[in-house]
Protein backbone atom coordinates (compact mmCIF):
# COMPACT_ATOMS: atom_id res chain seq x y z
CA MET A 1 11.29 -7.66 -28.48
CA ASN A 2 8.05 -7.12 -30.93
CA GLU A 3 7.84 -3.65 -31.82
CA SER A 4 4.11 -4.24 -33.26
CA TRP A 5 0.56 -4.67 -31.65
CA LEU A 6 -1.81 -7.16 -33.64
CA VAL A 7 -4.51 -5.53 -34.09
CA LEU A 8 -8.32 -7.18 -34.47
CA THR A 9 -11.12 -4.44 -35.40
CA LEU A 10 -14.80 -5.55 -34.70
CA TYR A 11 -17.63 -3.87 -36.68
CA SER A 12 -20.86 -4.13 -35.26
CA LYS A 13 -23.91 -1.83 -33.89
CA THR A 14 -22.62 0.37 -30.79
CA THR A 15 -24.50 -1.33 -28.36
CA ASP A 16 -22.92 -4.91 -29.30
CA LEU A 17 -19.21 -3.67 -29.37
CA ASN A 18 -19.00 -3.32 -25.32
CA ILE A 19 -20.54 -7.06 -25.19
CA LEU A 20 -18.42 -8.45 -27.93
CA SER A 21 -14.86 -6.87 -26.82
CA SER A 22 -16.10 -8.21 -23.16
CA TYR A 23 -15.15 -11.74 -24.56
CA PHE A 24 -11.71 -10.86 -25.26
CA ASP A 25 -10.69 -9.27 -21.98
CA THR A 26 -8.67 -11.86 -20.63
CA CYS A 27 -6.09 -11.68 -23.38
CA SER A 28 -6.43 -7.90 -25.00
CA LEU A 29 -3.63 -5.96 -24.03
CA GLY A 30 -6.27 -2.56 -24.63
CA SER A 31 -8.61 -0.90 -26.67
CA HIS A 32 -10.04 2.36 -28.81
CA ASP A 33 -13.35 2.76 -30.00
CA CYS A 34 -14.71 4.58 -32.08
CA ASP A 35 -18.34 5.03 -33.31
CA GLU A 36 -19.33 1.21 -35.07
CA LYS A 37 -16.10 -0.27 -34.80
CA ILE A 38 -13.23 -0.73 -32.00
CA ASN A 39 -9.55 -2.30 -32.20
CA LEU A 40 -8.39 -4.73 -29.86
CA TYR A 41 -4.81 -5.17 -29.28
CA PHE A 42 -2.94 -8.52 -29.00
CA ASP A 43 0.16 -9.51 -28.61
CA PHE A 44 0.78 -11.98 -31.54
CA SER A 45 0.93 -15.00 -29.72
CA SER A 46 -2.24 -14.66 -28.77
CA ARG A 47 -3.54 -14.85 -32.26
CA HIS A 48 -4.49 -18.17 -32.11
CA LYS A 49 -6.59 -17.83 -29.03
CA VAL A 50 -8.89 -14.85 -30.02
CA GLU A 51 -9.24 -16.63 -33.40
CA SER A 52 -11.15 -19.52 -31.21
CA ILE A 53 -13.03 -17.29 -29.51
CA LEU A 54 -14.35 -15.03 -32.94
CA GLU A 55 -15.48 -18.34 -34.10
CA ASN A 56 -17.44 -19.21 -30.79
CA ILE A 57 -19.35 -15.78 -30.59
CA ASN A 58 -19.69 -15.63 -34.61
CA VAL A 59 -22.63 -17.82 -34.01
CA LYS A 60 -24.17 -15.75 -31.44
CA TYR A 61 -23.38 -11.87 -32.88
CA LYS A 62 -23.75 -10.17 -36.22
CA PHE A 63 -20.33 -8.70 -36.55
CA GLU A 64 -17.13 -8.38 -39.11
CA TYR A 65 -13.83 -7.98 -38.37
CA ASP A 66 -10.68 -7.76 -39.76
CA TRP A 67 -6.86 -7.76 -38.49
CA SER A 68 -3.96 -5.62 -39.05
CA THR A 69 -0.40 -4.77 -37.53
CA GLU A 70 0.15 -1.47 -35.77
CA ASN A 71 4.01 -0.13 -34.62
CA LYS A 72 4.06 0.58 -30.48
CA LYS A 73 5.91 3.85 -31.14
CA ASN A 74 3.26 5.01 -33.81
CA TRP A 75 0.52 4.14 -30.98
CA MET A 76 2.16 6.10 -28.61
CA GLU A 77 2.48 9.06 -30.91
CA ASN A 78 -1.41 8.96 -32.28
CA TRP A 79 -2.20 8.64 -28.67
CA LYS A 80 -1.29 11.76 -28.17
CA ASP A 81 -3.81 13.10 -31.02
CA PHE A 82 -6.95 11.65 -28.94
CA PHE A 83 -5.93 11.56 -25.45
CA THR A 84 -8.51 13.67 -23.75
CA PRO A 85 -8.75 14.11 -19.79
CA VAL A 86 -11.20 12.25 -17.83
CA SER A 87 -13.30 13.99 -15.24
CA ILE A 88 -15.46 12.12 -12.76
CA ASN A 89 -18.28 14.10 -10.92
CA ASN A 90 -16.33 17.08 -11.16
CA GLU A 91 -14.00 16.01 -8.68
CA VAL A 92 -11.32 13.44 -10.17
CA ILE A 93 -9.26 14.46 -13.10
CA ILE A 94 -7.14 12.13 -15.13
CA ILE A 95 -4.52 13.39 -17.35
CA PRO A 96 -1.70 12.50 -19.40
CA ASP A 97 2.09 13.04 -18.35
CA TRP A 98 2.34 15.91 -20.87
CA ASP A 99 -0.35 17.78 -19.77
CA GLU A 100 0.81 20.83 -18.05
CA LYS A 101 -2.35 22.77 -17.52
CA THR A 102 -4.29 23.77 -14.25
CA TYR A 103 -7.13 21.79 -13.15
CA ASN A 104 -9.64 22.64 -10.31
CA HIS A 105 -10.51 19.19 -9.35
CA LYS A 106 -9.51 17.88 -5.54
CA TYR A 107 -7.71 14.57 -6.94
CA LYS A 108 -5.63 14.59 -10.41
CA ILE A 109 -4.04 11.89 -11.14
CA LYS A 110 -1.17 11.78 -13.91
CA LEU A 111 -0.44 8.89 -16.36
CA CYS A 112 1.98 8.06 -18.56
CA PRO A 113 -0.09 6.12 -20.84
CA ALA A 114 0.43 2.56 -21.35
CA MET A 115 -2.37 0.32 -23.79
CA ALA A 116 -2.21 -2.69 -21.20
CA PHE A 117 -2.83 -1.16 -18.08
CA GLY A 118 -5.49 1.29 -17.95
CA THR A 119 -5.68 5.36 -18.60
CA GLY A 120 -9.34 5.84 -16.87
CA HIS A 121 -11.26 6.00 -20.37
CA HIS A 122 -13.06 3.05 -20.03
CA GLU A 123 -16.62 3.06 -18.12
CA SER A 124 -15.59 0.16 -15.75
CA THR A 125 -12.95 2.89 -14.31
CA GLN A 126 -15.21 5.62 -13.81
CA LEU A 127 -17.75 3.71 -12.33
CA ILE A 128 -15.68 2.25 -9.92
CA ILE A 129 -14.22 5.49 -9.27
CA GLN A 130 -17.94 7.01 -8.75
CA GLN A 131 -18.11 4.49 -5.98
CA MET A 132 -15.19 5.04 -4.25
CA LEU A 133 -16.90 8.94 -3.97
CA TYR A 134 -19.93 7.51 -3.15
CA PHE A 135 -19.12 5.62 -0.14
CA LYS A 136 -16.33 8.63 0.80
CA ILE A 137 -13.35 6.36 1.27
CA HIS A 138 -11.64 8.97 2.81
CA LYS A 139 -13.03 7.90 5.95
CA TYR A 140 -11.38 4.07 5.86
CA ASP A 141 -8.00 3.55 6.50
CA SER A 142 -7.26 0.17 4.28
CA LEU A 143 -7.88 -0.62 0.62
CA LEU A 144 -6.92 -3.59 -1.22
CA ASP A 145 -6.49 -3.07 -5.23
CA LEU A 146 -6.94 -6.43 -7.07
CA GLY A 147 -6.27 -6.30 -11.01
CA ALA A 148 -4.44 -2.37 -10.33
CA GLY A 149 -2.80 -1.81 -13.76
CA SER A 150 -1.74 1.25 -14.49
CA GLY A 151 -2.49 2.15 -10.49
CA ILE A 152 -5.70 4.91 -11.23
CA LEU A 153 -7.51 3.43 -8.08
CA SER A 154 -4.50 2.96 -5.83
CA ILE A 155 -3.84 6.18 -6.68
CA LEU A 156 -6.62 7.88 -5.93
CA ALA A 157 -7.21 6.01 -2.84
CA LYS A 158 -3.85 7.57 -1.39
CA LYS A 159 -4.90 11.09 -2.24
CA MET A 160 -8.36 10.81 -0.62
CA GLY A 161 -6.12 9.88 2.67
CA LEU A 162 -6.39 5.72 2.96
CA SER A 163 -2.93 4.88 4.80
CA LYS A 164 -2.60 1.01 4.07
CA ILE A 165 -3.20 0.29 0.22
CA THR A 166 -1.96 -2.80 -1.20
CA SER A 167 -2.40 -3.19 -5.13
CA ILE A 168 -2.17 -7.07 -6.91
CA ASP A 169 -1.30 -7.05 -10.26
CA ASN A 170 -0.27 -10.54 -11.83
CA ASP A 171 1.94 -8.53 -14.71
CA PRO A 172 5.59 -7.84 -13.95
CA VAL A 173 5.52 -5.65 -16.76
CA CYS A 174 2.80 -3.44 -14.94
CA MET A 175 4.82 -2.76 -12.00
CA ASP A 176 7.08 -0.22 -13.80
CA ASN A 177 4.45 1.29 -15.00
CA PHE A 178 2.51 1.48 -12.25
CA ASN A 179 5.50 3.02 -9.99
CA GLN A 180 5.62 5.64 -12.74
CA ASN A 181 2.00 6.90 -12.42
CA CYS A 182 2.56 6.98 -8.76
CA SER A 183 5.60 9.71 -9.07
CA LEU A 184 3.84 11.08 -11.85
CA SER A 185 0.90 11.86 -9.34
CA ASP A 186 3.23 12.72 -6.07
CA VAL A 187 1.93 9.40 -3.93
CA SER A 188 4.13 7.08 -2.37
CA GLY A 189 3.83 4.63 0.03
CA ILE A 190 1.38 2.26 -1.82
CA ASN A 191 2.40 -1.83 -1.84
CA PHE A 192 2.35 -3.37 -5.00
CA LEU A 193 2.59 -7.10 -5.49
CA THR A 194 3.39 -8.82 -8.76
CA GLN A 195 0.58 -11.89 -7.64
CA ASP A 196 -2.47 -14.10 -9.07
CA VAL A 197 -5.27 -12.07 -7.41
CA HIS A 198 -6.43 -15.37 -6.40
CA GLU A 199 -3.53 -16.50 -4.83
CA PHE A 200 -3.79 -13.02 -2.43
CA ASN A 201 -5.69 -14.71 0.89
CA ASP A 202 -5.94 -11.53 3.24
CA TYR A 203 -8.84 -10.01 2.91
CA ASN A 204 -8.77 -7.88 6.46
CA TYR A 205 -9.08 -4.49 4.82
CA ASP A 206 -12.01 -1.69 4.77
CA ILE A 207 -12.27 -1.75 0.94
CA ILE A 208 -11.83 -4.01 -1.55
CA LEU A 209 -11.73 -2.92 -5.21
CA ALA A 210 -12.24 -5.39 -8.00
CA ASN A 211 -12.41 -4.12 -11.61
CA ILE A 212 -11.41 -6.88 -13.78
CA ASP A 213 -13.86 -9.11 -15.42
CA LYS A 214 -16.99 -11.17 -14.82
CA ASN A 215 -15.51 -14.90 -14.34
CA ASN A 216 -12.40 -13.53 -11.79
CA ILE A 217 -15.25 -11.38 -9.88
CA ILE A 218 -17.19 -14.80 -9.60
CA LYS A 219 -14.27 -16.42 -7.92
CA ILE A 220 -13.60 -13.10 -5.66
CA LEU A 221 -17.19 -13.37 -4.51
CA LYS A 222 -16.50 -17.20 -3.31
CA LYS A 223 -13.69 -16.30 -1.78
CA TYR A 224 -14.85 -12.77 -0.46
CA GLN A 225 -18.15 -15.02 1.31
CA LYS A 226 -15.79 -17.54 3.04
CA ASN A 227 -13.48 -14.96 4.68
CA LYS A 228 -14.06 -13.39 7.87
CA THR A 229 -13.42 -9.97 6.62
CA THR A 230 -16.12 -7.05 6.79
CA ALA A 231 -14.62 -5.14 3.99
CA ARG A 232 -17.14 -3.29 1.22
CA LEU A 233 -16.74 -4.99 -1.89
CA ILE A 234 -16.49 -2.80 -4.72
CA LEU A 235 -16.95 -4.38 -8.14
CA ALA A 236 -16.67 -3.32 -11.93
CA GLY A 237 -15.40 -4.63 -15.28
CA LEU A 238 -19.10 -6.33 -15.57
CA LEU A 239 -21.53 -5.98 -18.30
CA ASP A 240 -25.37 -5.41 -17.67
CA ILE A 241 -25.89 -8.70 -18.95
CA ASN A 242 -23.76 -10.34 -16.25
CA PHE A 243 -26.36 -8.74 -13.16
CA SER A 244 -28.25 -11.41 -12.88
CA GLU A 245 -25.26 -14.12 -13.11
CA ILE A 246 -23.85 -11.99 -10.02
CA LYS A 247 -26.93 -11.91 -7.80
CA GLU A 248 -26.69 -15.63 -8.13
CA ASN A 249 -23.28 -15.74 -6.86
CA ILE A 250 -23.47 -13.10 -4.05
CA GLY A 251 -24.68 -15.75 -1.04
CA SER A 252 -25.98 -14.02 1.68
CA CYS A 253 -24.35 -10.96 0.88
CA ILE A 254 -26.08 -7.57 0.28
CA ILE A 255 -25.91 -5.41 -2.99
CA GLU A 256 -25.57 -1.65 -1.43
CA ASN A 257 -25.07 0.40 -4.63
CA HIS A 258 -25.73 -0.77 -8.35
CA ILE A 259 -24.71 1.95 -11.04
CA GLN A 260 -24.24 1.93 -14.63
CA GLU A 261 -22.60 3.46 -17.67
CA GLY A 262 -23.84 2.52 -20.87
CA GLU A 263 -23.40 -1.12 -21.10
CA TRP A 264 -21.44 -1.70 -18.32
CA ILE A 265 -22.07 -1.74 -14.29
CA SER A 266 -20.61 -0.96 -10.94
CA ILE A 267 -21.81 -2.75 -7.89
CA SER A 268 -21.25 -2.34 -3.99
CA VAL A 269 -21.48 -5.71 -1.93
CA LYS A 270 -21.36 -5.82 2.28
CA LYS A 271 -22.07 -8.90 4.36
C-alpha cells in the first residue's frame, strides 16, 4: 500500500480557485485551500488524468501549479493543527474525534477525519445542511443520500429524527469511515450501500440529497424527472457558473430554494 499522496498545488486568484478545483472533483481525494493556493490530493495512478485536465483548462484560466508528495501519516498529524469545528446556523456542529469540548448545538456530529470522504469544511456540505434545516426535514420519515462519503448528511438526518435513511457511495473504502463516524456520533440504523448512485433506482423517499458534481447531478436530475417519486431533491456541489445549465435540465420541475456561499450554490427541486 502506498503511504503517500500525490499533491497538486494550484496558485491563482481566490475567486478562480473554486472553479479550477471543480474540474478535478471526479478524481481528487480531497483538498486544502489557503489564501491564493489550493492543495489537491490524488492517488499516484491518477496523475495522467490530472495532467490531461490541466492541459485542457490551461487555455481557459491563468494559474500556476506544482507537484509534490505528502506522507499520509504526516497529513493526519498536521490535520489536527488546522481542523476547526464547523458550526452551521448555530444548530449543527461538526467536530473531530479528538475534540472533547462541550457544545450547545442541537446536533453534534463527530468524525474521524479522512481525506477522501468529507469533513464538513467545504461550502457545498454546509449549504446542503442549511437546506436541511430550512426545510425542517425532521418532519419527514425517509431520506436518500447519494454520494454519502463520510456520512455527515446521513448522520444529521438520523439525529433530526428520520427513520428510514439509505446512504450510497461507490467507494468500498468509504464504508469503514462511514460506520466509524456513525459510532462516534451515536447513531445507528442507517442502510449504507456500496454502489454507483446511477445504478440505484428506488427514489421512493421524502428527501433526496446529492452533494456530488455537476455532471452527476444532471444525470440524477434526469432520472428524478422520469421517476414517479414525489421527493424533494436537494442538490449541492455546484458552482454559480453551473446554475444556468442546471436550470436547463430541470424540465417541468421547479426550483424551491437557491442559496449561495462564495462561488458555491445549493438548490432544492420539487415536481
